Amino acid sequence: MADVLQQIEDLVSLAIAQRTELKRDLGSRNSLLDKYNEENEKLNRELAEAKEAAGWTLVSHLEHQREWSSKTFGPGPRAEGIVDHITKELAEIQQAPTDLTEWIDVVILALDGSWRSGHSPEEIVSALRAKQLKNESRTWPDWRTEPTDKAICHINPPAQEPKP
């Protein structure tokens, strides 16, 4: 009888050990499955972002921003409020000059003010391109000779004397 009890005890111990091993294996599999699911979700997000980026243009962004901003902040120029907000964002940039989100806040506010002042997304993009070209055509001082804490302004061409 003692032999039978010992065999039962051994079988129970073996069953417990096997159950523990199965739980450990199942835990490892669940962990792998969780990692797989996380990676899959990440890839799906990246794919969605890539699809969105493929169709993204500044004009489409401005159309979206105009719709969202009108619903969120109301219609109208709101120039004084936007300038006030830009001023606050500029102070935040002075506190954290490498924080990209603070710089982007100013860009978003400037674009918001642009369409609110009556310009279409296409006009804003055209003006942005034109202003960049104009700046590139100007004469600028050597940046190495300019103080880093002051604006670098273009050099105005000498005034032409009026013709007699």
N, C-alpha and C. Protein backbone atom coordinates (compact mmCIF):
# COMPACT_ATOMS: atom_id res chain seq x y z
N MET A 1 0.82 -1.19 0.00
CA MET A 1 0.00 0.00 0.00
C MET A 1 0.87 1.26 0.00
N ALA A 2 1.96 1.21 0.75
CA ALA A 2 2.87 2.36 0.80
C ALA A 2 3.47 2.60 -0.57
N ASP A 3 3.74 1.51 -1.31
CA ASP A 3 4.27 1.66 -2.66
C ASP A 3 3.27 2.37 -3.57
N VAL A 4 2.01 2.03 -3.45
CA VAL A 4 0.96 2.64 -4.26
C VAL A 4 0.84 4.12 -3.93
N LEU A 5 0.85 4.44 -2.63
CA LEU A 5 0.78 5.84 -2.20
C LEU A 5 1.98 6.62 -2.72
N GLN A 6 3.16 5.99 -2.66
CA GLN A 6 4.36 6.64 -3.17
C GLN A 6 4.25 6.88 -4.67
N GLN A 7 3.72 5.91 -5.41
CA GLN A 7 3.54 6.07 -6.85
C GLN A 7 2.56 7.20 -7.15
N ILE A 8 1.48 7.27 -6.38
CA ILE A 8 0.49 8.34 -6.56
C ILE A 8 1.14 9.69 -6.27
N GLU A 9 1.89 9.75 -5.17
CA GLU A 9 2.59 10.98 -4.80
C GLU A 9 3.56 11.40 -5.90
N ASP A 10 4.30 10.42 -6.45
CA ASP A 10 5.24 10.71 -7.53
C ASP A 10 4.50 11.22 -8.76
N LEU A 11 3.37 10.60 -9.08
CA LEU A 11 2.57 11.04 -10.23
C LEU A 11 2.02 12.45 -10.03
N VAL A 12 1.58 12.74 -8.82
CA VAL A 12 1.07 14.08 -8.51
C VAL A 12 2.20 15.10 -8.64
N SER A 13 3.37 14.78 -8.10
CA SER A 13 4.53 15.68 -8.21
C SER A 13 4.90 15.91 -9.66
N LEU A 14 4.89 14.82 -10.44
CA LEU A 14 5.19 14.93 -11.86
C LEU A 14 4.15 15.79 -12.57
N ALA A 15 2.88 15.58 -12.24
CA ALA A 15 1.80 16.37 -12.85
C ALA A 15 1.95 17.84 -12.50
N ILE A 16 2.30 18.12 -11.25
CA ILE A 16 2.50 19.52 -10.81
C ILE A 16 3.67 20.13 -11.56
N ALA A 17 4.76 19.40 -11.70
CA ALA A 17 5.93 19.90 -12.43
C ALA A 17 5.58 20.16 -13.89
N GLN A 18 4.84 19.22 -14.50
CA GLN A 18 4.45 19.40 -15.89
C GLN A 18 3.51 20.60 -16.05
N ARG A 19 2.60 20.75 -15.09
CA ARG A 19 1.67 21.89 -15.13
C ARG A 19 2.44 23.20 -15.01
N THR A 20 3.42 23.25 -14.11
CA THR A 20 4.25 24.44 -13.94
C THR A 20 5.01 24.76 -15.21
N GLU A 21 5.56 23.71 -15.84
CA GLU A 21 6.29 23.89 -17.10
C GLU A 21 5.36 24.37 -18.21
N LEU A 22 4.17 23.82 -18.26
CA LEU A 22 3.19 24.24 -19.27
C LEU A 22 2.80 25.70 -19.06
N LYS A 23 2.60 26.10 -17.80
CA LYS A 23 2.26 27.51 -17.51
C LYS A 23 3.40 28.42 -17.96
N ARG A 24 4.65 28.00 -17.68
CA ARG A 24 5.80 28.80 -18.08
C ARG A 24 5.86 28.91 -19.61
N ASP A 25 5.66 27.77 -20.29
CA ASP A 25 5.65 27.79 -21.76
C ASP A 25 4.53 28.66 -22.30
N LEU A 26 3.36 28.54 -21.69
CA LEU A 26 2.22 29.34 -22.11
C LEU A 26 2.51 30.82 -21.88
N GLY A 27 3.13 31.14 -20.75
CA GLY A 27 3.50 32.53 -20.47
C GLY A 27 4.47 33.05 -21.51
N SER A 28 5.45 32.24 -21.89
CA SER A 28 6.40 32.65 -22.93
C SER A 28 5.69 32.85 -24.25
N ARG A 29 4.78 31.93 -24.59
CA ARG A 29 4.03 32.07 -25.84
C ARG A 29 3.16 33.32 -25.82
N ASN A 30 2.51 33.58 -24.68
CA ASN A 30 1.68 34.78 -24.56
C ASN A 30 2.54 36.04 -24.68
N SER A 31 3.72 35.98 -24.08
CA SER A 31 4.63 37.12 -24.18
C SER A 31 5.04 37.36 -25.63
N LEU A 32 5.36 36.28 -26.33
CA LEU A 32 5.71 36.40 -27.75
C LEU A 32 4.53 36.91 -28.56
N LEU A 33 3.34 36.41 -28.24
CA LEU A 33 2.14 36.85 -28.94
C LEU A 33 1.89 38.33 -28.68
N ASP A 34 2.08 38.78 -27.44
CA ASP A 34 1.92 40.21 -27.12
C ASP A 34 2.92 41.06 -27.92
N LYS A 35 4.17 40.59 -27.97
CA LYS A 35 5.19 41.32 -28.73
C LYS A 35 4.82 41.36 -30.21
N TYR A 36 4.34 40.24 -30.73
CA TYR A 36 3.92 40.20 -32.13
C TYR A 36 2.78 41.19 -32.37
N ASN A 37 1.79 41.19 -31.48
CA ASN A 37 0.65 42.10 -31.64
C ASN A 37 1.08 43.56 -31.56
N GLU A 38 2.00 43.88 -30.64
CA GLU A 38 2.50 45.25 -30.53
C GLU A 38 3.22 45.67 -31.81
N GLU A 39 4.06 44.78 -32.31
CA GLU A 39 4.81 45.08 -33.53
C GLU A 39 3.87 45.23 -34.72
N ASN A 40 2.85 44.38 -34.78
CA ASN A 40 1.86 44.45 -35.85
C ASN A 40 1.10 45.78 -35.81
N GLU A 41 0.71 46.22 -34.61
CA GLU A 41 0.02 47.50 -34.46
C GLU A 41 0.93 48.66 -34.89
N LYS A 42 2.21 48.57 -34.52
CA LYS A 42 3.17 49.61 -34.91
C LYS A 42 3.29 49.68 -36.43
N LEU A 43 3.41 48.53 -37.07
CA LEU A 43 3.51 48.50 -38.53
C LEU A 43 2.24 49.04 -39.18
N ASN A 44 1.08 48.72 -38.62
CA ASN A 44 -0.18 49.24 -39.16
C ASN A 44 -0.24 50.75 -39.04
N ARG A 45 0.22 51.30 -37.90
CA ARG A 45 0.26 52.76 -37.72
C ARG A 45 1.20 53.39 -38.74
N GLU A 46 2.38 52.79 -38.92
CA GLU A 46 3.35 53.33 -39.87
C GLU A 46 2.79 53.28 -41.29
N LEU A 47 2.08 52.21 -41.63
CA LEU A 47 1.48 52.10 -42.95
C LEU A 47 0.42 53.18 -43.14
N ALA A 48 -0.41 53.40 -42.13
CA ALA A 48 -1.44 54.44 -42.22
C ALA A 48 -0.80 55.82 -42.38
N GLU A 49 0.29 56.06 -41.63
CA GLU A 49 0.99 57.34 -41.74
C GLU A 49 1.60 57.51 -43.13
N ALA A 50 2.15 56.43 -43.67
CA ALA A 50 2.75 56.49 -45.00
C ALA A 50 1.69 56.77 -46.06
N LYS A 51 0.53 56.12 -45.92
CA LYS A 51 -0.57 56.36 -46.87
C LYS A 51 -1.03 57.81 -46.78
N GLU A 52 -1.14 58.31 -45.55
CA GLU A 52 -1.56 59.71 -45.37
C GLU A 52 -0.52 60.66 -45.95
N ALA A 53 0.75 60.36 -45.69
CA ALA A 53 1.82 61.24 -46.18
C ALA A 53 1.87 61.25 -47.70
N ALA A 54 1.56 60.14 -48.32
CA ALA A 54 1.59 60.07 -49.78
C ALA A 54 0.59 61.03 -50.40
N GLY A 55 -0.53 61.26 -49.73
CA GLY A 55 -1.55 62.16 -50.26
C GLY A 55 -1.50 63.55 -49.63
N TRP A 56 -0.54 63.78 -48.74
CA TRP A 56 -0.45 65.03 -48.03
C TRP A 56 0.16 66.11 -48.90
N THR A 57 -0.47 67.27 -48.87
CA THR A 57 0.11 68.47 -49.46
C THR A 57 -0.13 69.60 -48.48
N LEU A 58 0.62 70.66 -48.62
CA LEU A 58 0.39 71.81 -47.74
C LEU A 58 -1.01 72.38 -47.98
N VAL A 59 -1.46 72.37 -49.22
CA VAL A 59 -2.81 72.86 -49.52
C VAL A 59 -3.85 72.00 -48.81
N SER A 60 -3.73 70.67 -48.89
CA SER A 60 -4.72 69.81 -48.22
C SER A 60 -4.65 69.99 -46.71
N HIS A 61 -3.44 70.20 -46.18
CA HIS A 61 -3.30 70.44 -44.74
C HIS A 61 -4.01 71.74 -44.34
N LEU A 62 -3.82 72.79 -45.14
CA LEU A 62 -4.46 74.07 -44.84
C LEU A 62 -5.98 73.97 -44.91
N GLU A 63 -6.48 73.20 -45.86
CA GLU A 63 -7.93 73.00 -45.95
C GLU A 63 -8.45 72.31 -44.70
N HIS A 64 -7.72 71.29 -44.26
CA HIS A 64 -8.10 70.57 -43.04
C HIS A 64 -8.01 71.49 -41.82
N GLN A 65 -6.90 72.24 -41.72
CA GLN A 65 -6.71 73.14 -40.59
C GLN A 65 -7.81 74.19 -40.53
N ARG A 66 -8.17 74.74 -41.70
CA ARG A 66 -9.21 75.78 -41.74
C ARG A 66 -10.53 75.22 -41.21
N GLU A 67 -10.89 74.04 -41.65
CA GLU A 67 -12.14 73.42 -41.21
C GLU A 67 -12.12 73.17 -39.70
N TRP A 68 -11.04 72.58 -39.22
CA TRP A 68 -10.94 72.27 -37.80
C TRP A 68 -10.91 73.53 -36.95
N SER A 69 -10.11 74.52 -37.35
CA SER A 69 -9.96 75.74 -36.58
C SER A 69 -11.27 76.54 -36.53
N SER A 70 -11.98 76.57 -37.64
CA SER A 70 -13.27 77.29 -37.67
C SER A 70 -14.25 76.68 -36.68
N LYS A 71 -14.30 75.34 -36.66
CA LYS A 71 -15.21 74.65 -35.73
C LYS A 71 -14.75 74.83 -34.29
N THR A 72 -13.44 74.81 -34.08
CA THR A 72 -12.90 74.84 -32.72
C THR A 72 -12.84 76.24 -32.13
N PHE A 73 -12.42 77.23 -32.93
CA PHE A 73 -12.19 78.59 -32.43
C PHE A 73 -13.15 79.62 -33.00
N GLY A 74 -14.02 79.19 -33.90
CA GLY A 74 -15.00 80.10 -34.46
C GLY A 74 -14.48 80.79 -35.71
N PRO A 75 -15.39 81.49 -36.39
CA PRO A 75 -15.03 82.16 -37.64
C PRO A 75 -14.38 83.51 -37.38
N GLY A 76 -14.01 84.15 -38.46
CA GLY A 76 -13.52 85.53 -38.37
C GLY A 76 -12.01 85.61 -38.30
N PRO A 77 -11.50 86.85 -38.44
CA PRO A 77 -10.05 87.06 -38.50
C PRO A 77 -9.30 86.69 -37.22
N ARG A 78 -9.82 87.10 -36.06
CA ARG A 78 -9.21 86.79 -34.77
C ARG A 78 -7.72 87.17 -34.71
N ALA A 79 -7.34 88.19 -35.50
CA ALA A 79 -5.92 88.56 -35.61
C ALA A 79 -5.30 88.90 -34.25
N GLU A 80 -5.98 89.70 -33.44
CA GLU A 80 -5.40 90.09 -32.15
C GLU A 80 -5.19 88.88 -31.25
N GLY A 81 -6.16 87.95 -31.25
CA GLY A 81 -6.02 86.74 -30.44
C GLY A 81 -4.88 85.85 -30.94
N ILE A 82 -4.73 85.76 -32.25
CA ILE A 82 -3.65 84.94 -32.81
C ILE A 82 -2.29 85.57 -32.51
N VAL A 83 -2.19 86.88 -32.66
CA VAL A 83 -0.93 87.56 -32.34
C VAL A 83 -0.60 87.39 -30.85
N ASP A 84 -1.61 87.49 -30.00
CA ASP A 84 -1.40 87.27 -28.56
C ASP A 84 -0.88 85.86 -28.31
N HIS A 85 -1.47 84.90 -28.99
CA HIS A 85 -1.06 83.51 -28.81
C HIS A 85 0.37 83.30 -29.33
N ILE A 86 0.69 83.89 -30.49
CA ILE A 86 2.05 83.78 -31.02
C ILE A 86 3.05 84.38 -30.04
N THR A 87 2.71 85.51 -29.44
CA THR A 87 3.59 86.15 -28.46
C THR A 87 3.88 85.21 -27.30
N LYS A 88 2.85 84.51 -26.82
CA LYS A 88 3.04 83.55 -25.74
C LYS A 88 3.91 82.38 -26.19
N GLU A 89 3.69 81.92 -27.42
CA GLU A 89 4.51 80.81 -27.94
C GLU A 89 5.96 81.24 -28.09
N LEU A 90 6.21 82.49 -28.51
CA LEU A 90 7.58 82.97 -28.64
C LEU A 90 8.29 82.98 -27.29
N ALA A 91 7.56 83.33 -26.24
CA ALA A 91 8.15 83.28 -24.89
C ALA A 91 8.49 81.84 -24.52
N GLU A 92 7.64 80.90 -24.92
CA GLU A 92 7.92 79.48 -24.64
C GLU A 92 9.15 79.01 -25.42
N ILE A 93 9.32 79.51 -26.64
CA ILE A 93 10.51 79.16 -27.42
C ILE A 93 11.77 79.71 -26.74
N GLN A 94 11.68 80.92 -26.18
CA GLN A 94 12.83 81.47 -25.48
C GLN A 94 13.21 80.60 -24.29
N GLN A 95 12.23 79.99 -23.65
CA GLN A 95 12.49 79.11 -22.51
C GLN A 95 13.03 77.74 -22.95
N ALA A 96 12.60 77.28 -24.13
CA ALA A 96 13.00 75.94 -24.62
C ALA A 96 13.28 76.02 -26.12
N PRO A 97 14.40 76.63 -26.51
CA PRO A 97 14.64 76.89 -27.93
C PRO A 97 14.81 75.66 -28.81
N THR A 98 15.00 74.50 -28.24
CA THR A 98 15.14 73.29 -29.07
C THR A 98 13.86 72.46 -29.11
N ASP A 99 12.80 72.96 -28.49
CA ASP A 99 11.53 72.22 -28.47
C ASP A 99 10.78 72.44 -29.78
N LEU A 100 10.81 71.44 -30.63
CA LEU A 100 10.19 71.55 -31.95
C LEU A 100 8.70 71.89 -31.86
N THR A 101 8.01 71.34 -30.88
CA THR A 101 6.56 71.58 -30.80
C THR A 101 6.25 73.06 -30.58
N GLU A 102 7.12 73.78 -29.89
CA GLU A 102 6.89 75.22 -29.69
C GLU A 102 7.06 75.97 -31.01
N TRP A 103 8.05 75.60 -31.80
CA TRP A 103 8.24 76.22 -33.11
C TRP A 103 7.04 75.92 -34.01
N ILE A 104 6.57 74.69 -33.98
CA ILE A 104 5.44 74.29 -34.81
C ILE A 104 4.17 75.02 -34.38
N ASP A 105 4.02 75.28 -33.08
CA ASP A 105 2.86 76.07 -32.63
C ASP A 105 2.82 77.42 -33.33
N VAL A 106 3.98 78.06 -33.48
CA VAL A 106 4.04 79.36 -34.16
C VAL A 106 3.67 79.21 -35.64
N VAL A 107 4.18 78.14 -36.27
CA VAL A 107 3.86 77.90 -37.68
C VAL A 107 2.36 77.71 -37.85
N ILE A 108 1.76 76.88 -37.01
CA ILE A 108 0.32 76.62 -37.11
C ILE A 108 -0.48 77.91 -36.91
N LEU A 109 -0.09 78.69 -35.92
CA LEU A 109 -0.79 79.95 -35.66
C LEU A 109 -0.64 80.92 -36.84
N ALA A 110 0.56 80.97 -37.43
CA ALA A 110 0.77 81.86 -38.58
C ALA A 110 -0.09 81.41 -39.77
N LEU A 111 -0.16 80.11 -40.01
CA LEU A 111 -1.00 79.61 -41.09
C LEU A 111 -2.48 79.88 -40.80
N ASP A 112 -2.87 79.74 -39.54
CA ASP A 112 -4.25 80.01 -39.14
C ASP A 112 -4.58 81.49 -39.40
N GLY A 113 -3.67 82.36 -39.01
CA GLY A 113 -3.88 83.79 -39.26
C GLY A 113 -3.93 84.12 -40.74
N SER A 114 -3.16 83.37 -41.54
CA SER A 114 -3.14 83.62 -42.99
C SER A 114 -4.49 83.35 -43.64
N TRP A 115 -5.09 82.21 -43.34
CA TRP A 115 -6.38 81.94 -43.98
C TRP A 115 -7.47 82.79 -43.36
N ARG A 116 -7.34 83.09 -42.07
CA ARG A 116 -8.35 83.93 -41.41
C ARG A 116 -8.33 85.35 -41.94
N SER A 117 -7.20 85.77 -42.52
CA SER A 117 -7.15 87.12 -43.08
C SER A 117 -7.65 87.15 -44.52
N GLY A 118 -8.26 86.06 -44.95
CA GLY A 118 -8.96 86.05 -46.23
C GLY A 118 -8.25 85.37 -47.38
N HIS A 119 -7.20 84.62 -47.11
CA HIS A 119 -6.44 83.99 -48.18
C HIS A 119 -6.74 82.50 -48.29
N SER A 120 -6.79 82.02 -49.52
CA SER A 120 -7.05 80.60 -49.76
C SER A 120 -5.78 79.79 -49.49
N PRO A 121 -5.94 78.48 -49.29
CA PRO A 121 -4.74 77.64 -49.12
C PRO A 121 -3.77 77.78 -50.28
N GLU A 122 -4.30 77.86 -51.50
CA GLU A 122 -3.42 78.00 -52.67
C GLU A 122 -2.65 79.33 -52.63
N GLU A 123 -3.32 80.40 -52.22
CA GLU A 123 -2.65 81.71 -52.12
C GLU A 123 -1.56 81.68 -51.04
N ILE A 124 -1.84 81.00 -49.94
CA ILE A 124 -0.86 80.92 -48.85
C ILE A 124 0.38 80.17 -49.33
N VAL A 125 0.18 79.05 -49.99
CA VAL A 125 1.32 78.28 -50.50
C VAL A 125 2.09 79.09 -51.53
N SER A 126 1.39 79.77 -52.41
CA SER A 126 2.04 80.59 -53.42
C SER A 126 2.85 81.72 -52.76
N ALA A 127 2.29 82.37 -51.76
CA ALA A 127 2.98 83.45 -51.06
C ALA A 127 4.21 82.92 -50.31
N LEU A 128 4.09 81.73 -49.75
CA LEU A 128 5.22 81.11 -49.05
C LEU A 128 6.37 80.86 -50.02
N ARG A 129 6.04 80.31 -51.17
CA ARG A 129 7.08 80.06 -52.20
C ARG A 129 7.69 81.37 -52.68
N ALA A 130 6.83 82.35 -52.97
CA ALA A 130 7.31 83.64 -53.49
C ALA A 130 8.22 84.33 -52.47
N LYS A 131 7.84 84.29 -51.21
CA LYS A 131 8.65 84.95 -50.18
C LYS A 131 10.00 84.25 -50.03
N GLN A 132 10.02 82.93 -50.12
CA GLN A 132 11.29 82.21 -50.04
C GLN A 132 12.20 82.60 -51.21
N LEU A 133 11.62 82.65 -52.41
CA LEU A 133 12.40 83.05 -53.58
C LEU A 133 12.93 84.48 -53.44
N LYS A 134 12.09 85.36 -52.91
CA LYS A 134 12.50 86.75 -52.72
C LYS A 134 13.67 86.82 -51.73
N ASN A 135 13.55 86.08 -50.63
CA ASN A 135 14.64 86.08 -49.64
C ASN A 135 15.93 85.52 -50.25
N GLU A 136 15.80 84.51 -51.09
CA GLU A 136 16.98 83.91 -51.71
C GLU A 136 17.64 84.87 -52.71
N SER A 137 16.86 85.80 -53.26
CA SER A 137 17.43 86.74 -54.23
C SER A 137 18.05 87.96 -53.57
N ARG A 138 17.83 88.13 -52.29
CA ARG A 138 18.37 89.29 -51.58
C ARG A 138 19.84 89.09 -51.23
N THR A 139 20.47 90.19 -50.88
CA THR A 139 21.86 90.15 -50.42
C THR A 139 21.84 90.15 -48.90
N TRP A 140 22.61 89.24 -48.35
CA TRP A 140 22.65 89.08 -46.89
C TRP A 140 24.09 89.26 -46.41
N PRO A 141 24.25 89.79 -45.20
CA PRO A 141 25.61 89.92 -44.67
C PRO A 141 26.17 88.53 -44.33
N ASP A 142 27.46 88.44 -44.18
CA ASP A 142 28.10 87.19 -43.78
C ASP A 142 27.64 86.86 -42.36
N TRP A 143 26.99 85.75 -42.21
CA TRP A 143 26.42 85.37 -40.91
C TRP A 143 27.49 85.25 -39.83
N ARG A 144 28.72 84.96 -40.22
CA ARG A 144 29.80 84.81 -39.24
C ARG A 144 30.16 86.13 -38.57
N THR A 145 29.76 87.25 -39.19
CA THR A 145 30.09 88.58 -38.64
C THR A 145 28.92 89.15 -37.85
N GLU A 146 27.83 88.42 -37.78
CA GLU A 146 26.62 88.94 -37.14
C GLU A 146 26.44 88.33 -35.74
N PRO A 147 25.91 89.12 -34.80
CA PRO A 147 25.65 88.57 -33.47
C PRO A 147 24.56 87.49 -33.55
N THR A 148 24.74 86.43 -32.77
CA THR A 148 23.79 85.32 -32.82
C THR A 148 22.48 85.61 -32.09
N ASP A 149 22.46 86.67 -31.28
CA ASP A 149 21.24 86.99 -30.53
C ASP A 149 20.45 88.14 -31.16
N LYS A 150 20.79 88.49 -32.38
CA LYS A 150 20.07 89.56 -33.10
C LYS A 150 19.65 89.05 -34.48
N ALA A 151 18.60 89.64 -35.00
CA ALA A 151 18.13 89.27 -36.34
C ALA A 151 19.18 89.64 -37.38
N ILE A 152 19.31 88.78 -38.38
CA ILE A 152 20.17 89.10 -39.51
C ILE A 152 19.24 89.63 -40.61
N CYS A 153 19.44 90.90 -40.94
CA CYS A 153 18.58 91.55 -41.93
C CYS A 153 19.30 91.65 -43.27
N HIS A 154 18.52 91.57 -44.32
CA HIS A 154 19.11 91.69 -45.66
C HIS A 154 19.66 93.08 -45.87
N ILE A 155 20.56 93.17 -46.80
CA ILE A 155 21.19 94.46 -47.11
C ILE A 155 20.35 95.13 -48.18
N ASN A 156 19.87 96.33 -47.87
CA ASN A 156 19.07 97.08 -48.84
C ASN A 156 19.97 97.63 -49.93
N PRO A 157 19.50 97.54 -51.15
CA PRO A 157 20.31 98.12 -52.24
C PRO A 157 20.36 99.63 -52.05
N PRO A 158 21.45 100.25 -52.53
CA PRO A 158 21.54 101.71 -52.39
C PRO A 158 20.39 102.38 -53.13
N ALA A 159 19.87 103.41 -52.54
CA ALA A 159 18.76 104.13 -53.16
C ALA A 159 19.25 104.81 -54.44
N GLN A 160 18.42 104.74 -55.44
CA GLN A 160 18.77 105.39 -56.70
C GLN A 160 18.37 106.85 -56.63
N GLU A 161 19.25 107.65 -57.15
CA GLU A 161 18.96 109.09 -57.15
C GLU A 161 17.92 109.37 -58.23
N PRO A 162 17.00 110.30 -57.92
CA PRO A 162 15.97 110.62 -58.91
C PRO A 162 16.60 111.21 -60.18
N LYS A 163 15.99 110.86 -61.28
CA LYS A 163 16.49 111.39 -62.56
C LYS A 163 16.07 112.84 -62.70
N PRO A 164 17.01 113.69 -63.21
CA PRO A 164 16.67 115.14 -63.36
C PRO A 164 15.66 115.39 -64.44
